[in-house]
Every structure is written in C-alpha cells, then in structure tokens.
Amino acid sequence: MQIAVVTGQVVSTEKQPEFKGYKLLLVRALDLQGRPRGGESMAIDTVDAGLGDTVLVNKEGGCARMVLKNDRIPVQALILGVVDGFHVEG
C-alpha cells in the first residue's frame, strides 16, 4: 500500500471490457513528508476520489482482483480510500 495524490483522470473511448463502469485515475506516490515522488501511474477508483485528493493505493493485482470480484481484470493498482491526513513521528 502507498499514499498518493490524484493528479488526473484517464478518459478513453475504447476500454478493455473489464474496465467498463470503473473510473481510471492517475496517481503519484507521496513520501512520508507528503511530497510527490516518482512518476504517475494509473489506478482504478473504488471510492469516488477526485483531483488533488490524497488516497490510499493498493499496488498488488491479486488483491485488486479480489476486491473487484473479477479474476480476469488486468489491473495492478486500486484506490481503496481517501486519506484525510497523516502524521509520521520521528
């Protein structure tokens, strides 16, 4: 799991059939100080997140397929929650 920020939305006229009905968002991982790190990746949104939201992303395809109850969906990342805030001690 990682904390990330939503940076955009993916819009497509043609989709893999398993993606129909799901919102696809671009996310960028955050470090423990809340700063963006690395590049963007795509994740399926399950919590109605929006642009600029801090989110919790699961980046494990097997778990994503279990949550979506679809063994055929070609997915690696899934947005599982909107984070109101986080604090790291030390």
Protein backbone atom coordinates (compact mmCIF):
# COMPACT_ATOMS: atom_id res chain seq x y z
CA MET A 1 0.00 0.00 0.00
CA GLN A 2 1.09 3.55 -0.56
CA ILE A 3 -0.17 7.05 -0.02
CA ALA A 4 -0.58 9.01 -3.25
CA VAL A 5 -2.21 12.11 -4.70
CA VAL A 6 -4.69 12.06 -7.59
CA THR A 7 -3.19 14.06 -10.48
CA GLY A 8 -5.62 13.38 -13.31
CA GLN A 9 -8.27 11.24 -14.92
CA VAL A 10 -7.90 8.81 -17.82
CA VAL A 11 -10.59 9.20 -20.50
CA SER A 12 -10.93 6.64 -23.26
CA THR A 13 -13.45 5.99 -25.99
CA GLU A 14 -12.42 2.33 -26.09
CA LYS A 15 -11.66 0.28 -22.97
CA GLN A 16 -10.85 -3.26 -22.07
CA PRO A 17 -14.34 -4.72 -21.43
CA GLU A 18 -13.46 -5.45 -17.78
CA PHE A 19 -12.77 -1.70 -17.19
CA LYS A 20 -16.28 -0.59 -18.19
CA GLY A 21 -18.04 1.10 -15.30
CA TYR A 22 -14.81 1.99 -13.46
CA LYS A 23 -13.21 5.43 -13.18
CA LEU A 24 -9.50 5.37 -14.04
CA LEU A 25 -7.32 7.95 -12.28
CA LEU A 26 -3.69 8.99 -12.48
CA VAL A 27 -1.89 8.97 -9.12
CA ARG A 28 1.58 9.95 -7.94
CA ALA A 29 3.07 8.41 -4.80
CA LEU A 30 3.89 10.67 -1.82
CA ASP A 31 6.84 10.38 0.54
CA LEU A 32 6.38 10.48 4.33
CA GLN A 33 6.57 14.29 4.28
CA GLY A 34 3.71 14.45 1.77
CA ARG A 35 5.93 15.39 -1.20
CA PRO A 36 5.35 13.77 -4.61
CA ARG A 37 7.90 11.13 -5.60
CA GLY A 38 8.36 9.14 -8.76
CA GLY A 39 6.18 9.15 -11.82
CA GLU A 40 2.47 8.78 -12.27
CA SER A 41 0.60 5.52 -12.57
CA MET A 42 -2.98 4.55 -13.29
CA ALA A 43 -5.35 3.14 -10.67
CA ILE A 44 -8.98 2.07 -10.64
CA ASP A 45 -11.03 4.26 -8.29
CA THR A 46 -13.37 2.45 -5.88
CA VAL A 47 -14.11 5.38 -3.52
CA ASP A 48 -15.06 8.29 -5.82
CA ALA A 49 -11.77 10.15 -5.32
CA GLY A 50 -11.13 13.39 -7.17
CA LEU A 51 -8.34 15.58 -8.48
CA GLY A 52 -5.97 16.63 -5.68
CA ASP A 53 -7.26 14.06 -3.17
CA THR A 54 -4.74 12.17 -1.07
CA VAL A 55 -5.57 8.48 -1.44
CA LEU A 56 -4.54 5.03 -0.24
CA VAL A 57 -3.45 2.86 -3.19
CA ASN A 58 -3.05 -0.90 -3.18
CA LYS A 59 -0.50 -1.90 -5.82
CA GLU A 60 -0.99 -5.64 -5.84
CA GLY A 61 -3.01 -7.13 -8.68
CA GLY A 62 -4.25 -10.21 -6.82
CA CYS A 63 -5.83 -8.12 -4.08
CA ALA A 64 -7.34 -5.74 -6.65
CA ARG A 65 -8.97 -8.64 -8.48
CA MET A 66 -10.39 -9.96 -5.19
CA VAL A 67 -11.82 -6.55 -4.22
CA LEU A 68 -13.37 -6.11 -7.68
CA LYS A 69 -14.54 -9.76 -7.71
CA ASN A 70 -13.17 -10.24 -11.22
CA ASP A 71 -10.35 -12.71 -11.90
CA ARG A 72 -9.97 -11.51 -15.50
CA ILE A 73 -9.49 -7.75 -14.97
CA PRO A 74 -5.96 -6.66 -15.94
CA VAL A 75 -5.28 -4.33 -13.02
CA GLN A 76 -2.40 -3.69 -10.68
CA ALA A 77 -3.41 -0.59 -8.70
CA LEU A 78 -6.64 0.15 -6.87
CA ILE A 79 -7.64 3.25 -4.88
CA LEU A 80 -9.10 1.95 -1.62
CA GLY A 81 -9.58 5.10 0.44
CA VAL A 82 -9.39 8.89 0.63
CA VAL A 83 -6.90 9.99 3.29
CA ASP A 84 -7.95 12.93 5.44
CA GLY A 85 -4.41 13.35 6.77
CA PHE A 86 -1.39 11.51 8.11
CA HIS A 87 1.37 12.15 10.61
CA VAL A 88 4.73 10.40 10.96
CA GLU A 89 6.53 10.57 14.30
CA GLY A 90 10.29 10.82 14.46
